[in-house]
Amino acid sequence: MNPSAGERTVSYAVNETPFLAELMAEWSEIPRFSKDALAFVAGLKDLSLADLFWVGGDRHPIHPYLVHATFVVVSRRLKKPTATAAKTLWEQPLYMVLKRDGSFLCGACTLKNGLLSVHPYADQAAVPRRLRNGIDAEVIGQVTAIVRRLK
């Protein structure tokens, strides 16, 4: 069948891209209403692809909220972490952090004296990752929704 004028056919080799293969295997059927529902749940008026970040490739996330998560929705308007870490899991907002090497970190953050600390969850034995804000990394925004498939 030939595409009509103005249409393009795109062929993706799913096996060539691990990200795309994993995404298609887990999310092959996404209902159309999901975009509007996700925007409502995340509290974002105009949800765009720039607000979605894939976190499904991290098999050992530094926060339990991210275990088995596929995507997070980030509000790019909420970029300022607090100066002190919250005491409980429920009080720790998560932030998406862009490092200068192009990689991302997602976790609870504090910002004090120009030093951005990405904290592992309190039950983990890892030390916080410390980065110079605006030099080594920058906060993209606060995570407002986490998308995972119920299994």
Protein backbone atom coordinates (compact mmCIF):
# COMPACT_ATOMS: atom_id res chain seq x y z
CA MET A 1 0.00 0.00 0.00
CA ASN A 2 1.45 3.37 -1.02
CA PRO A 3 1.11 6.33 1.31
CA SER A 4 -0.99 9.17 -0.02
CA ALA A 5 0.43 12.64 -0.61
CA GLY A 6 1.63 14.25 2.61
CA GLU A 7 1.93 10.97 4.53
CA ARG A 8 5.20 9.43 5.56
CA THR A 9 5.88 5.89 6.52
CA VAL A 10 8.44 5.37 9.24
CA SER A 11 9.99 2.02 9.96
CA TYR A 12 11.77 1.45 13.25
CA ALA A 13 14.07 -1.46 13.87
CA VAL A 14 12.96 -2.14 17.44
CA ASN A 15 15.71 -4.70 18.07
CA GLU A 16 18.44 -2.18 17.21
CA THR A 17 17.55 0.23 20.02
CA PRO A 18 17.39 -1.21 23.58
CA PHE A 19 15.42 1.80 24.84
CA LEU A 20 12.78 1.50 22.11
CA ALA A 21 12.60 -2.29 22.43
CA GLU A 22 12.04 -2.08 26.18
CA LEU A 23 9.51 0.72 25.79
CA MET A 24 7.51 -1.17 23.17
CA ALA A 25 7.58 -4.38 25.20
CA GLU A 26 6.20 -2.69 28.29
CA TRP A 27 3.96 0.04 26.83
CA SER A 28 2.79 -1.28 23.47
CA GLU A 29 -0.78 -0.17 24.10
CA ILE A 30 -1.30 3.27 25.60
CA PRO A 31 -4.87 4.62 25.71
CA ARG A 32 -5.38 7.99 24.02
CA PHE A 33 -6.84 9.57 27.16
CA SER A 34 -3.54 8.99 29.00
CA LYS A 35 -1.98 12.29 27.95
CA ASP A 36 -4.80 14.38 29.40
CA ALA A 37 -5.09 12.18 32.49
CA LEU A 38 -1.34 12.35 33.12
CA ALA A 39 -1.35 16.15 32.79
CA PHE A 40 -4.16 16.34 35.35
CA VAL A 41 -2.49 13.95 37.81
CA ALA A 42 0.88 15.73 37.46
CA GLY A 43 -0.71 19.14 37.94
CA LEU A 44 0.62 20.48 34.64
CA LYS A 45 -1.65 22.51 32.41
CA ASP A 46 0.20 21.84 29.16
CA LEU A 47 2.04 18.52 29.34
CA SER A 48 4.64 18.06 26.61
CA LEU A 49 7.28 15.47 25.78
CA ALA A 50 9.86 17.84 27.31
CA ASP A 51 8.19 17.16 30.70
CA LEU A 52 8.64 13.37 30.46
CA PHE A 53 11.85 11.63 31.43
CA TRP A 54 12.56 7.92 31.02
CA VAL A 55 13.87 6.34 34.22
CA GLY A 56 13.19 2.72 33.23
CA GLY A 57 16.83 2.02 32.44
CA ASP A 58 17.96 2.49 36.04
CA ARG A 59 17.85 -0.98 37.63
CA HIS A 60 19.12 0.32 40.99
CA PRO A 61 17.48 3.71 41.61
CA ILE A 62 18.59 5.75 44.61
CA HIS A 63 15.02 6.25 45.83
CA PRO A 64 12.27 3.64 46.42
CA TYR A 65 9.68 5.74 44.56
CA LEU A 66 11.60 5.01 41.36
CA VAL A 67 11.68 1.21 41.68
CA HIS A 68 9.89 -0.25 38.62
CA ALA A 69 9.13 3.25 37.33
CA THR A 70 9.25 3.86 33.60
CA PHE A 71 8.74 7.62 33.30
CA VAL A 72 8.61 10.63 35.56
CA VAL A 73 6.78 13.85 34.85
CA VAL A 74 8.81 16.92 35.77
CA SER A 75 7.53 20.41 36.48
CA ARG A 76 10.22 22.66 35.05
CA ARG A 77 8.81 25.57 37.07
CA LEU A 78 9.82 24.01 40.40
CA LYS A 79 13.62 24.12 40.26
CA LYS A 80 14.70 25.14 43.74
CA PRO A 81 15.38 22.33 46.22
CA THR A 82 15.26 23.13 49.92
CA ALA A 83 18.37 23.89 51.98
CA THR A 84 17.87 20.92 54.33
CA ALA A 85 16.78 17.32 53.75
CA ALA A 86 13.32 16.33 54.99
CA LYS A 87 13.14 13.73 57.74
CA THR A 88 10.69 11.21 56.25
CA LEU A 89 10.22 9.57 52.87
CA TRP A 90 6.92 11.36 52.34
CA GLU A 91 8.49 14.80 52.84
CA GLN A 92 11.24 14.35 50.24
CA PRO A 93 10.33 15.75 46.84
CA LEU A 94 12.30 14.26 43.96
CA TYR A 95 14.11 16.37 41.37
CA MET A 96 15.50 15.65 37.93
CA VAL A 97 19.11 16.85 37.67
CA LEU A 98 21.02 17.30 34.42
CA LYS A 99 24.75 16.73 34.75
CA ARG A 100 27.17 18.52 32.41
CA ASP A 101 28.17 15.22 30.80
CA GLY A 102 24.58 14.90 29.54
CA SER A 103 23.46 12.23 32.02
CA PHE A 104 20.59 12.63 34.47
CA LEU A 105 20.08 11.92 38.15
CA CYS A 106 16.71 11.63 39.82
CA GLY A 107 16.42 11.81 43.58
CA ALA A 108 15.85 13.92 46.65
CA CYS A 109 18.03 17.05 46.54
CA THR A 110 19.21 19.87 48.74
CA LEU A 111 20.85 23.10 47.64
CA LYS A 112 23.08 24.99 50.05
CA ASN A 113 25.86 27.50 49.33
CA GLY A 114 25.90 26.62 45.64
CA LEU A 115 26.34 22.92 46.34
CA LEU A 116 23.67 20.59 44.97
CA SER A 117 23.45 17.28 46.86
CA VAL A 118 21.48 14.37 45.42
CA HIS A 119 20.64 12.15 48.38
CA PRO A 120 20.11 8.40 48.30
CA TYR A 121 17.18 7.13 50.30
CA ALA A 122 17.95 6.98 54.02
CA ASP A 123 17.96 3.15 54.10
CA GLN A 124 20.79 2.96 51.54
CA ALA A 125 24.45 3.00 52.54
CA ALA A 126 25.47 5.31 49.68
CA VAL A 127 26.76 8.84 50.24
CA PRO A 128 25.09 11.86 48.63
CA ARG A 129 26.37 12.92 45.22
CA ARG A 130 27.62 16.48 45.55
CA LEU A 131 27.70 18.72 42.50
CA ARG A 132 28.36 22.41 42.03
CA ASN A 133 25.05 23.97 41.03
CA GLY A 134 25.23 25.60 37.61
CA ILE A 135 28.75 24.24 37.00
CA ASP A 136 28.63 20.44 37.37
CA ALA A 137 24.85 20.12 37.15
CA GLU A 138 21.54 21.95 37.21
CA VAL A 139 18.06 21.11 38.45
CA ILE A 140 15.64 20.57 35.57
CA GLY A 141 12.59 20.50 37.84
CA GLN A 142 10.62 18.70 40.51
CA VAL A 143 9.08 15.30 39.83
CA THR A 144 5.29 15.67 40.05
CA ALA A 145 4.22 12.21 38.84
CA ILE A 146 5.76 8.78 38.44
CA VAL A 147 4.49 6.44 35.73
CA ARG A 148 4.81 2.71 36.27
CA ARG A 149 2.98 -0.30 34.99
CA LEU A 150 1.10 -2.35 37.57
CA LYS A 151 2.16 -5.95 37.28
